[in-house]
Protein backbone atom coordinates (compact mmCIF):
# COMPACT_ATOMS: atom_id res chain seq x y z
CA UNK A 1 0.02 -0.06 -0.14
CA UNK A 2 2.84 2.41 0.94
CA UNK A 3 4.61 1.58 -2.22
CA UNK A 4 1.47 2.18 -4.16
CA UNK A 5 1.02 5.52 -2.45
CA UNK A 6 4.66 6.62 -3.13
CA UNK A 7 4.36 5.56 -6.59
CA UNK A 8 1.37 7.49 -6.95
CA UNK A 9 2.72 10.41 -5.12
CA UNK A 10 5.99 10.33 -7.43
CA UNK A 11 3.59 9.99 -10.57
CA UNK A 12 0.84 12.37 -11.86
CA UNK A 13 -0.79 13.05 -8.56
CA UNK A 14 1.48 15.85 -7.86
CA UNK A 15 0.51 18.65 -10.17
CA UNK A 16 4.20 20.44 -9.92
CA UNK A 17 5.74 17.06 -10.78
CA UNK A 18 3.20 16.34 -13.68
CA UNK A 19 3.91 19.79 -15.09
CA UNK A 20 7.71 19.20 -15.19
CA UNK A 21 7.26 15.92 -16.94
CA UNK A 22 5.12 17.35 -19.68
CA UNK A 23 7.50 20.14 -20.09
CA UNK A 24 10.37 17.75 -20.51
CA UNK A 25 8.51 15.69 -22.95
CA UNK A 26 7.63 18.72 -24.92
CA UNK A 27 11.06 19.83 -24.93
CA UNK A 28 12.45 16.27 -25.83
CA UNK A 29 9.95 16.29 -28.78
CA UNK A 30 11.39 19.38 -30.13
CA UNK A 31 15.15 18.55 -29.76
CA UNK A 32 15.10 15.12 -31.01
CA UNK A 33 13.92 15.76 -34.64
CA UNK A 34 16.18 18.74 -35.02
CA UNK A 35 19.13 16.30 -35.19
CA UNK A 36 18.12 14.59 -38.38
CA UNK A 37 16.95 17.62 -39.98
CA UNK A 38 20.20 19.43 -39.49
CA UNK A 39 22.09 16.43 -40.76
CA UNK A 40 20.23 16.60 -44.10
CA UNK A 41 19.92 20.49 -44.33
CA UNK A 42 23.77 20.92 -44.32
CA UNK A 43 24.69 18.94 -47.48
CA UNK A 44 21.59 20.52 -49.36
CA UNK A 45 22.85 23.92 -48.40
CA UNK A 46 26.41 23.16 -49.56
CA UNK A 47 25.32 21.96 -52.97
CA UNK A 48 23.21 25.03 -53.58
CA UNK A 49 26.34 27.13 -52.85
CA UNK A 50 28.61 24.99 -54.92
CA UNK A 51 26.16 25.21 -57.85
CA UNK A 52 26.80 28.97 -57.96
CA UNK A 53 30.47 28.29 -58.24
CA UNK A 54 30.54 25.78 -60.77
CA UNK A 55 31.01 28.09 -63.72
CA UNK A 56 33.61 30.14 -61.86
CA UNK A 57 35.52 26.71 -61.07
CA UNK A 58 35.26 25.76 -64.87
CA UNK A 59 36.95 28.93 -66.07
CA UNK A 60 39.64 28.68 -63.36
CA UNK A 61 40.30 25.12 -64.62
CA UNK A 62 40.64 26.11 -68.15
CA UNK A 63 42.77 29.22 -67.22
CA UNK A 64 44.99 26.96 -65.43
CA UNK A 65 45.48 24.52 -68.07
CA UNK A 66 45.80 27.15 -70.83
CA UNK A 67 48.52 28.70 -68.66
CA UNK A 68 50.23 25.35 -68.06
CA UNK A 69 50.13 24.86 -71.72
CA UNK A 70 51.65 28.20 -72.68
CA UNK A 71 54.43 27.62 -69.98
CA UNK A 72 55.51 24.21 -71.52
CA UNK A 73 55.35 25.70 -75.03
CA UNK A 74 57.56 28.57 -74.03
CA UNK A 75 59.96 26.05 -72.12
CA UNK A 76 59.92 23.81 -75.27
CA UNK A 77 60.64 26.42 -77.71
CA UNK A 78 63.56 27.66 -75.72
CA UNK A 79 64.70 24.12 -75.41
CA UNK A 80 64.91 24.04 -79.18
CA UNK A 81 66.20 27.41 -79.71
CA UNK A 82 69.13 26.65 -77.34
CA UNK A 83 69.74 23.27 -79.21
CA UNK A 84 69.67 19.88 -77.55
CA UNK A 85 73.34 19.23 -78.45
CA UNK A 86 75.71 22.30 -77.65
CA UNK A 87 79.15 22.28 -79.55
CA UNK A 88 82.14 23.77 -77.69
CA UNK A 89 83.21 26.78 -79.36
CA UNK A 90 80.65 26.34 -82.19
CA UNK A 91 81.53 28.76 -84.99
CA UNK A 92 77.92 29.41 -85.58
CA UNK A 93 77.15 30.56 -81.96
CA UNK A 94 80.26 32.56 -81.97
CA UNK A 95 79.08 34.41 -85.23
CA UNK A 96 75.37 34.64 -84.46
CA UNK A 97 75.28 35.36 -80.68
CA UNK A 98 72.35 36.34 -78.58
CA UNK A 99 72.87 39.96 -79.84
CA UNK A 100 71.88 38.84 -83.42
CA UNK A 101 68.49 37.86 -84.61
CA UNK A 102 66.66 37.50 -87.90
CA UNK A 103 65.94 41.24 -88.18
CA UNK A 104 69.47 42.60 -87.41
CA UNK A 105 71.22 44.44 -90.12
CA UNK A 106 74.59 42.72 -88.96
CA UNK A 107 73.04 39.56 -90.00
CA UNK A 108 73.71 40.62 -93.78
CA UNK A 109 77.35 41.53 -93.30
CA UNK A 110 79.80 39.88 -95.35
CA UNK A 111 81.39 37.66 -92.54
CA UNK A 112 78.03 36.06 -91.34
CA UNK A 113 76.79 35.63 -95.03
CA UNK A 114 80.10 33.98 -95.96
CA UNK A 115 79.71 31.65 -93.11
CA UNK A 116 76.28 30.59 -94.37
CA UNK A 117 77.66 30.30 -97.87
CA UNK A 118 80.47 28.08 -96.80
CA UNK A 119 78.49 25.49 -94.76
CA UNK A 120 78.68 22.04 -95.78
CA UNK A 121 75.12 21.02 -97.24
CA UNK A 122 73.87 17.98 -95.77
CA UNK A 123 70.66 16.02 -96.41
CA UNK A 124 68.81 17.22 -93.28
CA UNK A 125 65.31 19.04 -93.00
CA UNK A 126 64.84 21.66 -90.37
CA UNK A 127 61.59 20.66 -88.86
CA UNK A 128 59.58 23.51 -87.63
CA UNK A 129 62.32 25.81 -88.46
CA UNK A 130 60.32 29.03 -87.15
CA UNK A 131 61.00 27.81 -83.59
CA UNK A 132 64.67 28.64 -84.07
CA UNK A 133 66.28 31.53 -82.38
CA UNK A 134 67.21 32.83 -85.94
CA UNK A 135 64.82 31.00 -88.31
CA UNK A 136 66.28 30.21 -91.83
CA UNK A 137 69.63 31.47 -90.96
CA UNK A 138 70.67 28.80 -88.49
CA UNK A 139 69.36 26.05 -90.70
CA UNK A 140 71.42 27.14 -93.66
CA UNK A 141 74.47 27.91 -91.19
CA UNK A 142 74.10 24.35 -90.23
CA UNK A 143 74.19 23.01 -93.57
CA UNK A 144 70.31 22.07 -93.81
CA UNK A 145 69.27 21.61 -97.56
CA UNK A 146 65.45 21.79 -96.33
CA UNK A 147 63.56 24.10 -94.11
CA UNK A 148 59.93 24.05 -92.91
CA UNK A 149 57.26 26.87 -92.09
CA UNK A 150 53.89 26.08 -91.04
CA UNK A 151 51.63 28.86 -92.40
CA UNK A 152 48.16 30.18 -91.66
CA UNK A 153 46.09 32.51 -94.13
CA UNK A 154 45.07 35.38 -92.22
CA UNK A 155 43.73 38.83 -93.55
CA UNK A 156 44.94 37.85 -97.16
CA UNK A 157 48.58 37.09 -95.90
CA UNK A 158 50.36 34.06 -94.68
CA UNK A 159 51.58 34.14 -91.11
CA UNK A 160 54.20 31.57 -89.58
CA UNK A 161 53.49 29.63 -86.79
CA UNK A 162 52.40 26.16 -85.39
CA UNK A 163 48.93 27.12 -83.95
CA UNK A 164 46.54 29.88 -84.60
CA UNK A 165 46.74 30.99 -81.17
CA UNK A 166 50.52 31.88 -81.25
CA UNK A 167 50.59 33.86 -84.50
CA UNK A 168 52.32 37.24 -84.69
CA UNK A 169 51.36 39.73 -87.41
CA UNK A 170 54.76 40.50 -87.86
CA UNK A 171 56.01 36.76 -88.51
CA UNK A 172 54.90 36.53 -92.21
CA UNK A 173 56.07 33.97 -94.93
CA UNK A 174 57.75 37.05 -96.95
CA UNK A 175 59.65 38.47 -94.05
CA UNK A 176 60.85 35.37 -92.61
CA UNK A 177 61.67 33.22 -95.62
CA UNK A 178 60.58 34.43 -99.25
CA UNK A 179 62.56 37.91 -98.91
CA UNK A 180 65.70 36.66 -97.21
CA UNK A 181 66.03 33.66 -99.60
CA UNK A 182 65.46 36.17 -102.56
CA UNK A 183 68.16 38.40 -101.19
CA UNK A 184 70.73 35.71 -100.59
CA UNK A 185 70.18 34.13 -103.88
CA UNK A 186 70.48 37.72 -105.72
CA UNK A 187 73.75 38.32 -103.94
CA UNK A 188 75.03 34.74 -105.30
CA UNK A 189 73.85 35.18 -108.75
CA UNK A 190 74.84 38.82 -109.04
CA UNK A 191 77.59 38.23 -111.70
CA UNK A 192 76.07 35.20 -113.74
CA UNK A 193 75.00 36.40 -117.11
CA UNK A 194 75.00 33.03 -118.94
CA UNK A 195 71.78 31.92 -118.01
CA UNK A 196 73.09 29.31 -115.21
CA UNK A 197 72.62 29.45 -111.57
CA UNK A 198 74.16 29.34 -108.24
CA UNK A 199 72.60 28.05 -105.10
CA UNK A 200 73.27 29.13 -101.48
CA UNK A 201 75.96 26.95 -100.67
CA UNK A 202 79.37 27.53 -102.40
CA UNK A 203 80.57 24.10 -101.78
CA UNK A 204 77.74 22.47 -103.71
CA UNK A 205 76.69 25.32 -105.99
CA UNK A 206 74.07 23.47 -107.86
CA UNK A 207 72.44 22.09 -104.62
CA UNK A 208 68.71 23.39 -104.43
CA UNK A 209 67.32 24.26 -101.15
CA UNK A 210 63.80 23.14 -100.42
CA UNK A 211 61.12 25.27 -98.64
CA UNK A 212 58.52 22.97 -97.28
CA UNK A 213 55.08 25.04 -96.78
CA UNK A 214 52.90 23.35 -94.21
CA UNK A 215 49.42 24.42 -94.73
CA UNK A 216 47.49 24.67 -91.48
CA UNK A 217 44.47 26.65 -92.97
CA UNK A 218 42.07 25.74 -95.57
CA UNK A 219 43.89 24.08 -98.41
CA UNK A 220 42.84 25.91 -101.81
CA UNK A 221 42.84 29.47 -100.33
CA UNK A 222 46.11 29.02 -98.70
CA UNK A 223 47.71 27.67 -101.67
CA UNK A 224 46.42 30.31 -103.92
CA UNK A 225 47.89 32.96 -101.68
CA UNK A 226 51.19 30.97 -101.40
CA UNK A 227 51.08 31.17 -105.48
CA UNK A 228 50.79 34.75 -105.47
CA UNK A 229 53.61 35.33 -102.98
CA UNK A 230 56.02 33.15 -104.86
CA UNK A 231 55.92 35.54 -108.04
CA UNK A 232 59.03 37.55 -107.22
CA UNK A 233 61.12 34.41 -107.01
CA UNK A 234 59.37 33.11 -109.95
CA UNK A 235 60.12 36.26 -112.21
CA UNK A 236 63.99 35.70 -111.25
CA UNK A 237 63.73 32.21 -112.45
CA UNK A 238 64.87 30.90 -108.97
CA UNK A 239 62.03 28.16 -108.51
CA UNK A 240 62.45 24.54 -109.65
CA UNK A 241 59.67 23.71 -112.02
CA UNK A 242 58.22 20.83 -114.30
CA UNK A 243 58.28 22.03 -117.93
CA UNK A 244 56.26 19.37 -119.25
CA UNK A 245 58.66 16.72 -119.86
CA UNK A 246 61.37 16.75 -117.12
CA UNK A 247 62.10 18.63 -113.83
CA UNK A 248 64.21 21.80 -114.25
CA UNK A 249 66.31 22.38 -111.21
CA UNK A 250 66.83 25.92 -109.71
CA UNK A 251 68.39 27.13 -106.39
CA UNK A 252 65.04 26.88 -104.42
CA UNK A 253 62.45 24.08 -104.60
CA UNK A 254 58.89 24.71 -103.17
CA UNK A 255 56.95 22.03 -101.68
CA UNK A 256 53.39 22.16 -100.30
CA UNK A 257 52.30 19.95 -97.52
CA UNK A 258 49.66 19.71 -94.81
CA UNK A 259 46.08 20.86 -95.96
CA UNK A 260 47.61 21.70 -99.38
CA UNK A 261 45.44 19.83 -101.92
CA UNK A 262 46.90 17.61 -104.51
CA UNK A 263 44.21 19.12 -107.02
CA UNK A 264 45.75 22.53 -106.51
CA UNK A 265 49.23 21.55 -107.60
CA UNK A 266 47.92 19.73 -110.60
CA UNK A 267 45.88 22.79 -111.68
CA UNK A 268 49.14 24.82 -112.18
CA UNK A 269 50.47 25.47 -115.31
CA UNK A 270 51.64 21.88 -116.82
CA UNK A 271 54.56 23.22 -118.48
CA UNK A 272 55.79 25.36 -115.64
CA UNK A 273 54.65 23.62 -112.55
CA UNK A 274 56.80 25.35 -109.92
CA UNK A 275 55.10 24.23 -106.39
CA UNK A 276 55.48 20.46 -105.55
CA UNK A 277 53.37 18.34 -103.44
CA UNK A 278 54.37 16.34 -100.40
CA UNK A 279 53.02 12.83 -101.10
CA UNK A 280 52.09 10.43 -98.48
CA UNK A 281 54.79 7.81 -98.11
CA UNK A 282 52.61 5.13 -96.67
CA UNK A 283 49.88 5.61 -99.24
CA UNK A 284 51.96 5.93 -102.56
CA UNK A 285 50.33 2.90 -104.07
CA UNK A 286 47.42 4.22 -106.12
CA UNK A 287 44.64 3.09 -108.14
CA UNK A 288 45.71 5.73 -110.82
CA UNK A 289 49.02 3.90 -111.30
CA UNK A 290 49.61 2.49 -114.47
CA UNK A 291 51.68 -0.82 -114.53
CA UNK A 292 50.61 -1.97 -118.18
CA UNK A 293 53.48 0.24 -119.49
CA UNK A 294 57.10 0.07 -118.91
CA UNK A 295 58.25 1.84 -116.95
CA UNK A 296 55.15 2.21 -114.98
CA UNK A 297 53.47 5.44 -114.77
CA UNK A 298 52.69 6.54 -111.28
CA UNK A 299 50.24 9.02 -109.98
CA UNK A 300 52.68 10.63 -107.65
CA UNK A 301 55.91 11.36 -109.71
CA UNK A 302 58.49 13.93 -110.43
CA UNK A 303 56.15 16.07 -112.54
CA UNK A 304 53.85 16.91 -109.45
CA UNK A 305 55.69 15.61 -106.18
CA UNK A 306 59.15 16.09 -104.64
CA UNK A 307 58.90 14.64 -101.06
CA UNK A 308 57.00 11.71 -99.98
CA UNK A 309 56.54 11.80 -96.13
CA UNK A 310 54.86 10.03 -93.36
CA UNK A 311 55.35 9.49 -89.43
CA UNK A 312 57.90 7.37 -88.35
CA UNK A 313 55.58 4.91 -86.39
CA UNK A 314 54.11 4.01 -90.05
CA UNK A 315 57.62 3.38 -91.40
CA UNK A 316 57.85 0.04 -93.34
CA UNK A 317 61.72 -0.13 -93.65
CA UNK A 318 61.94 -3.86 -94.37
CA UNK A 319 60.06 -6.47 -96.43
CA UNK A 320 59.53 -10.20 -95.39
CA UNK A 321 58.52 -12.99 -97.76
CA UNK A 322 56.87 -16.39 -96.97
CA UNK A 323 59.13 -18.91 -98.52
CA UNK A 324 56.00 -21.09 -99.00
CA UNK A 325 54.46 -18.55 -101.42
CA UNK A 326 55.81 -17.52 -104.59
CA UNK A 327 57.69 -14.37 -105.33
CA UNK A 328 55.84 -11.34 -106.58
CA UNK A 329 55.89 -11.43 -110.41
CA UNK A 330 53.82 -8.49 -111.68
CA UNK A 331 54.87 -4.93 -111.48
CA UNK A 332 52.14 -4.05 -109.20
CA UNK A 333 52.56 -6.94 -106.75
CA UNK A 334 56.45 -6.04 -106.88
CA UNK A 335 55.47 -2.45 -106.14
CA UNK A 336 53.14 -3.38 -103.22
CA UNK A 337 55.85 -5.76 -101.66
CA UNK A 338 58.61 -2.96 -101.79
CA UNK A 339 59.84 -0.95 -98.69
CA UNK A 340 58.38 2.70 -98.59
CA UNK A 341 61.81 4.03 -99.62
CA UNK A 342 61.87 1.78 -102.55
CA UNK A 343 58.54 2.97 -103.65
CA UNK A 344 59.43 6.46 -103.39
CA UNK A 345 62.66 6.04 -105.37
CA UNK A 346 60.81 4.40 -108.16
CA UNK A 347 58.68 7.29 -108.42
CA UNK A 348 61.49 9.80 -108.28
CA UNK A 349 60.61 11.01 -104.80
CA UNK A 350 62.64 11.71 -101.77
CA UNK A 351 61.44 9.91 -98.74
CA UNK A 352 60.96 11.67 -95.31
CA UNK A 353 59.96 10.31 -91.93
CA UNK A 354 58.92 12.85 -89.52
CA UNK A 355 58.29 12.55 -85.65
CA UNK A 356 61.40 10.21 -85.34
CA UNK A 357 62.63 9.18 -81.68
CA UNK A 358 63.94 12.03 -80.01
CA UNK A 359 64.94 10.20 -76.63
CA UNK A 360 66.80 8.45 -75.23
CA UNK A 361 69.75 9.49 -77.35
CA UNK A 362 70.88 5.91 -78.00
CA UNK A 363 67.53 5.23 -79.54
CA UNK A 364 67.45 8.43 -81.55
CA UNK A 365 70.85 7.77 -82.80
CA UNK A 366 70.02 4.09 -83.82
CA UNK A 367 66.86 5.36 -85.77
CA UNK A 368 68.97 7.86 -87.61
CA UNK A 369 71.63 5.46 -88.36
CA UNK A 370 69.23 2.94 -89.85
CA UNK A 371 67.62 5.54 -91.87
CA UNK A 372 71.06 6.81 -93.26
CA UNK A 373 72.02 3.02 -93.98
CA UNK A 374 68.61 2.46 -95.88
CA UNK A 375 69.31 5.54 -98.00
CA UNK A 376 66.40 7.60 -96.88
CA UNK A 377 66.23 10.62 -98.92
CA UNK A 378 66.46 13.24 -95.96
CA UNK A 379 66.41 13.17 -92.20
CA UNK A 380 63.91 15.24 -90.28
CA UNK A 381 65.70 17.14 -87.35
CA UNK A 382 64.84 19.28 -84.49
CA UNK A 383 68.31 19.32 -83.10
CA UNK A 384 70.75 21.49 -85.34
CA UNK A 385 73.36 21.59 -82.71
CA UNK A 386 73.66 17.69 -83.46
CA UNK A 387 73.66 18.51 -87.17
CA UNK A 388 76.73 20.91 -86.64
CA UNK A 389 78.17 18.51 -84.31
CA UNK A 390 78.28 15.84 -86.80
CA UNK A 391 78.86 18.14 -89.92
CA UNK A 392 78.92 16.16 -93.18
CA UNK A 393 78.50 12.52 -91.51
CA UNK A 394 74.97 12.30 -92.68
CA UNK A 395 75.57 10.39 -95.82
CA UNK A 396 74.72 11.69 -99.28
CA UNK A 397 71.62 12.43 -101.24
CA UNK A 398 70.88 12.97 -104.79
CA UNK A 399 68.32 15.70 -105.42
């Protein structure tokens, strides 16, 4: 009885105790749901805040990537300009120091011009030549017989550069290549009156220099502007051309590559075609080849093309024949079974491989050595320091 009375007295019979219990229950009911509500409201609020920053974050990411790309490109250009191989007391570096650039009047003085003309020509192509510290002049001073310029059609002019984002209005094909080449050739041929010509290199005066123009913008329009800009050199009879029956060599040979259309080359004057095509080395075999005559008539030949180029990873340098099968016995089968270098030679073209291994140095040297041994037409080079270091040790070439 007392226990029941005590229990009753501790329960709801006491109004003060009952009021406190009800107050605690009400407070507990208010506080308990607040925990899960806060747990779910917090991430939703964060998501709403983040949504407003998404566009800003995207712009920041793009800006960082573009900045990193620009820094990498700048470092790479400096890397190429300085040369991967430095020659102690390099005669070129001594005469063409940091105080000399392509626009320096002193680059035309007799000492520096004599150095260029006395260089030993080697079968080397100066890849992306415009990245050099002194474009054109360093390549010729290193003995390169071929230089490359990437061009973009912009406001009826041809600007030189690798990408459209890096173009400079002052870096035109005329100012960087056409006009300097014309000036050098005029100096070389100033006293020749018997109809002959003299090229850039005094040690090989009949050696032509190839100017490879890589079209980066729309082919037909860029090609048409190139054709117009070559007129001063054409008027001086400095351009190699096809006269309808044979190729007539001159001190400068112009080759169109990249987006240059083969149809534009073929549309030139058939008896004075002075822009040649850079054929695709890994696709020389064509349905238009005629093997019913001897010798065969190829679609890509000396009349319309000069180089035949492809990426090194697509090279087919050797052939293999299954001894259980008969040997190719038709002209077309023999052509298909030939190496790419053999196919190019059969068509009178010069084989060129680009993007050859750059590192490690031993792999790079092996690739160069194999290509020279297989009598590739010309070596594609980024490192002109290595060219000067090896001088004439690159083999011979017949152009």
